[in-house]
Amino acid sequence: MKIKEILIEISNKGKIYDELLNANNSDNVNEIILSKLSEDYETMNSSSFNKANLIKEVRHKVKTEKINEIFDLLPVEYNKKNIVISKINGPYKQPDFIVLEKFNQIKIEIKFNKSKSAKVPVWNSVAPNYKTLYIFINANNLSGDITFFKGSDFIKHDDVLKMNNLVNEYKNILKNEGSKINTDFSLYLRPMYVQKGNIFSNINRDKLEKTVINSFI
C-alpha cells in the first residue's frame, strides 16, 4: 500500500486501524506498517547497506535529502523504484522508516504507548523533527486511539533549534564547572522534551490529518 492509503485507512478507522490498535508493542507495529508498505515498495534495511559498506554514504544522502544520489548507490534492481528503508540509523534512533518516492523523501516514526493516560507521545531527549511523519498509537484497551501528524504541526523548527542551542550551552557550562569540582567525574545534561495537552482531543485533529493526507500525491 502507499503511505496515503495507509493514513486514510487509519483516519477512517479501517482494518489497519484495528491491527495497529491491537499490536503488542512498537516492534509489532513496525512489522505491520512494513508489511503494508511492502505491497507497493521495495524494502531494504540498514544491514543491507552495512554489507555493501554503503551505510555512511546512504545516511549522508538521506540527511542532505539528495534523493537521486541515494538511488545511484543502490543495486541496479532497485534503481528508480519506490523504496522503503527501515531503521537506517539503527534500532534505537529515529526514524523507523524512510520512504523514497521519485523526488520525495518521507521519514516515518512510530510513537506507541499502552498507558491509559498517554495523550501525547513520549519524546524523551529527541524533539519532534519538523519534516517527520509521526504515527501516534495509544493501544490501551479502554482509551485506545491512533492519529498522525507532522512534527511541524506542534513545534516550529526554529523553536527546536533554540531549545537545542540552550541545551548545548548548559552542557558546556556543566562540563566546565563540573571539572573544577572533581576531575574524575563529569556532569552530563540530558534534556527531556515533554509535550502538553491531548493530541487525540485536539480541536484541529481532523484538519491536521487531512492536511497530512493531502500532502501525498
Protein backbone atom coordinates (compact mmCIF):
# COMPACT_ATOMS: atom_id res chain seq x y z
CA MET A 1 0.00 0.00 0.00
CA LYS A 2 1.00 3.60 -0.48
CA ILE A 3 1.52 5.78 2.59
CA LYS A 4 -1.52 7.86 1.67
CA GLU A 5 -3.73 4.75 1.57
CA ILE A 6 -2.49 3.64 4.99
CA LEU A 7 -3.16 7.07 6.52
CA ILE A 8 -6.65 7.25 5.00
CA GLU A 9 -7.49 3.83 6.46
CA ILE A 10 -6.17 4.88 9.87
CA SER A 11 -8.18 8.11 9.74
CA ASN A 12 -11.32 6.20 8.75
CA LYS A 13 -10.69 3.58 11.46
CA GLY A 14 -10.49 0.77 8.93
CA LYS A 15 -8.77 -2.61 9.09
CA ILE A 16 -5.25 -1.22 9.58
CA TYR A 17 -6.51 0.94 12.45
CA ASP A 18 -7.70 -2.18 14.27
CA GLU A 19 -4.49 -4.10 13.52
CA LEU A 20 -2.30 -1.31 14.90
CA LEU A 21 -4.51 -0.77 17.92
CA ASN A 22 -4.21 -4.46 18.83
CA ALA A 23 -0.42 -4.53 18.43
CA ASN A 24 1.60 -5.74 21.39
CA ASN A 25 4.48 -3.27 21.08
CA SER A 26 6.22 -0.83 18.75
CA ASP A 27 8.17 -3.62 17.02
CA ASN A 28 4.87 -5.31 16.18
CA VAL A 29 3.56 -2.00 14.81
CA ASN A 30 6.66 -1.60 12.65
CA GLU A 31 6.13 -5.10 11.24
CA ILE A 32 2.52 -4.28 10.34
CA ILE A 33 3.41 -0.97 8.68
CA LEU A 34 6.32 -2.51 6.78
CA SER A 35 4.21 -5.42 5.55
CA LYS A 36 1.62 -2.96 4.17
CA LEU A 37 4.25 -0.76 2.53
CA SER A 38 5.92 -3.82 1.02
CA GLU A 39 2.90 -4.27 -1.25
CA ASP A 40 3.95 -1.19 -3.24
CA TYR A 41 7.60 -0.59 -2.28
CA GLU A 42 10.89 -2.39 -2.49
CA THR A 43 12.13 -2.85 1.08
CA MET A 44 15.64 -2.56 2.46
CA ASN A 45 17.18 -2.11 5.89
CA SER A 46 20.37 -0.78 7.42
CA SER A 47 22.02 -4.22 7.38
CA SER A 48 21.65 -4.29 3.58
CA PHE A 49 23.81 -1.18 3.34
CA ASN A 50 26.24 -2.36 6.00
CA LYS A 51 27.00 -5.49 3.99
CA ALA A 52 27.74 -3.34 0.98
CA ASN A 53 29.72 -0.78 3.04
CA LEU A 54 27.27 1.91 1.96
CA ILE A 55 25.65 2.83 5.28
CA LYS A 56 27.59 6.07 5.88
CA GLU A 57 27.05 7.27 2.32
CA VAL A 58 23.33 6.50 2.41
CA ARG A 59 22.90 8.23 5.79
CA HIS A 60 24.64 11.32 4.43
CA LYS A 61 22.44 11.37 1.31
CA VAL A 62 19.35 10.96 3.46
CA LYS A 63 20.42 13.78 5.77
CA THR A 64 21.14 16.13 2.86
CA GLU A 65 18.00 14.96 1.01
CA LYS A 66 19.88 14.05 -2.15
CA ILE A 67 17.26 11.57 -3.28
CA ASN A 68 18.56 10.75 -6.75
CA GLU A 69 22.05 10.16 -5.39
CA ILE A 70 20.65 7.58 -2.96
CA PHE A 71 19.23 5.64 -5.90
CA ASP A 72 22.60 5.84 -7.62
CA LEU A 73 24.18 3.99 -4.67
CA LEU A 74 21.70 1.13 -4.81
CA PRO A 75 22.00 -2.09 -6.78
CA VAL A 76 20.64 -1.76 -10.28
CA GLU A 77 17.48 -3.74 -9.49
CA TYR A 78 16.41 -1.01 -7.04
CA ASN A 79 17.15 1.86 -9.38
CA LYS A 80 14.35 4.42 -9.67
CA LYS A 81 11.77 2.28 -7.87
CA ASN A 82 9.82 3.37 -4.83
CA ILE A 83 11.76 2.13 -1.82
CA VAL A 84 11.21 1.93 1.94
CA ILE A 85 14.28 1.69 4.16
CA SER A 86 13.79 0.56 7.75
CA LYS A 87 15.97 1.58 10.69
CA ILE A 88 18.56 3.43 8.61
CA ASN A 89 20.12 4.83 11.82
CA GLY A 90 19.91 1.58 13.76
CA PRO A 91 17.24 0.19 16.12
CA TYR A 92 17.28 2.99 18.70
CA LYS A 93 17.38 6.15 16.60
CA GLN A 94 14.76 7.91 14.52
CA PRO A 95 13.26 7.43 12.04
CA ASP A 96 11.69 3.97 11.87
CA PHE A 97 11.26 4.23 8.10
CA ILE A 98 12.38 6.37 5.21
CA VAL A 99 10.30 6.17 2.05
CA LEU A 100 11.80 7.24 -1.26
CA GLU A 101 9.26 8.14 -3.92
CA LYS A 102 10.76 9.66 -7.05
CA PHE A 103 11.85 13.09 -5.75
CA ASN A 104 10.24 12.78 -2.33
CA GLN A 105 11.73 11.56 0.91
CA ILE A 106 9.33 10.79 3.74
CA LYS A 107 10.54 9.99 7.24
CA ILE A 108 8.14 7.99 9.41
CA GLU A 109 8.40 7.48 13.15
CA ILE A 110 6.07 5.31 15.24
CA LYS A 111 5.09 6.50 18.71
CA PHE A 112 3.49 3.67 20.68
CA ASN A 113 2.08 3.63 24.20
CA LYS A 114 -0.27 1.34 26.14
CA SER A 115 -0.85 3.65 29.10
CA LYS A 116 -4.40 4.88 29.66
CA SER A 117 -3.06 8.34 30.46
CA ALA A 118 -0.96 8.66 27.28
CA LYS A 119 -2.47 11.60 25.41
CA VAL A 120 0.73 12.83 23.78
CA PRO A 121 3.84 10.96 22.58
CA VAL A 122 6.83 10.40 24.85
CA TRP A 123 9.69 12.33 23.24
CA ASN A 124 12.43 11.71 25.80
CA SER A 125 15.59 13.51 24.64
CA VAL A 126 14.64 13.92 20.98
CA ALA A 127 12.37 16.80 19.97
CA PRO A 128 9.93 16.32 17.07
CA ASN A 129 11.53 16.68 13.65
CA TYR A 130 9.58 19.19 11.60
CA LYS A 131 9.70 17.07 8.43
CA THR A 132 8.93 13.69 10.00
CA LEU A 133 5.54 12.00 9.82
CA TYR A 134 4.57 10.65 13.24
CA ILE A 135 2.01 7.91 13.81
CA PHE A 136 0.93 8.01 17.46
CA ILE A 137 -0.79 4.91 18.83
CA ASN A 138 -2.35 4.57 22.26
CA ALA A 139 -3.06 0.83 22.41
CA ASN A 140 -4.74 0.87 25.81
CA ASN A 141 -7.82 -1.40 25.92
CA LEU A 142 -10.01 1.33 27.41
CA SER A 143 -8.82 4.53 25.73
CA GLY A 144 -7.09 3.34 22.56
CA ASP A 145 -6.83 5.60 19.53
CA ILE A 146 -4.49 6.42 16.64
CA THR A 147 -3.63 9.70 14.98
CA PHE A 148 -0.85 11.08 12.81
CA PHE A 149 0.80 14.44 12.22
CA LYS A 150 3.94 16.18 11.03
CA GLY A 151 6.44 17.37 13.61
CA SER A 152 5.94 20.94 12.40
CA ASP A 153 2.25 20.78 13.38
CA PHE A 154 3.13 21.18 17.06
CA ILE A 155 6.53 22.85 17.20
CA LYS A 156 8.35 25.18 14.84
CA HIS A 157 11.76 24.14 13.57
CA ASP A 158 13.22 27.43 14.81
CA ASP A 159 11.95 26.67 18.31
CA VAL A 160 13.63 23.26 18.27
CA LEU A 161 16.90 24.87 17.20
CA LYS A 162 16.63 27.44 20.02
CA MET A 163 15.96 24.69 22.57
CA ASN A 164 18.89 22.63 21.30
CA ASN A 165 21.19 25.65 21.46
CA LEU A 166 20.08 26.27 25.05
CA VAL A 167 20.77 22.63 25.97
CA ASN A 168 24.23 22.75 24.38
CA GLU A 169 25.01 25.97 26.21
CA TYR A 170 24.24 24.41 29.59
CA LYS A 171 26.03 21.19 28.68
CA ASN A 172 29.22 23.18 28.21
CA ILE A 173 28.67 25.04 31.49
CA LEU A 174 28.19 21.75 33.37
CA LYS A 175 31.23 20.22 31.73
CA ASN A 176 33.49 23.14 32.55
CA GLU A 177 32.19 23.83 36.06
CA GLY A 178 31.95 20.13 36.92
CA SER A 179 35.61 19.55 36.06
CA LYS A 180 36.54 22.19 38.62
CA ILE A 181 34.80 20.19 41.35
CA ASN A 182 36.16 16.74 40.53
CA THR A 183 38.32 15.74 37.58
CA ASP A 184 37.38 12.05 37.90
CA PHE A 185 33.67 12.69 37.24
CA SER A 186 31.87 14.67 34.57
CA LEU A 187 28.34 16.08 34.56
CA TYR A 188 26.02 15.31 31.67
CA LEU A 189 22.81 17.18 30.90
CA ARG A 190 20.12 15.08 29.26
CA PRO A 191 17.17 17.18 28.05
CA MET A 192 13.61 15.89 28.26
CA TYR A 193 11.07 17.22 25.78
CA VAL A 194 7.62 16.95 27.38
CA GLN A 195 4.56 17.82 25.31
CA LYS A 196 1.42 19.19 26.97
CA GLY A 197 -2.23 18.71 26.06
CA ASN A 198 -4.15 15.89 24.41
CA ILE A 199 -3.46 15.16 20.74
CA PHE A 200 -6.46 12.88 20.40
CA SER A 201 -8.97 15.54 21.50
CA ASN A 202 -7.17 18.43 19.78
CA ILE A 203 -9.79 20.58 18.05
CA ASN A 204 -7.60 20.69 14.93
CA ARG A 205 -7.06 16.93 14.75
CA ASP A 206 -9.22 16.27 11.66
CA LYS A 207 -7.73 19.25 9.87
CA LEU A 208 -4.17 18.18 10.66
CA GLU A 209 -4.80 14.60 9.49
CA LYS A 210 -6.41 15.77 6.24
CA THR A 211 -3.51 18.16 5.60
CA VAL A 212 -1.01 15.30 6.00
CA ILE A 213 -3.06 13.02 3.72
CA ASN A 214 -3.38 15.71 1.04
CA SER A 215 0.38 16.31 1.10
CA PHE A 216 0.82 12.96 -0.66
CA ILE A 217 0.06 12.54 -4.36
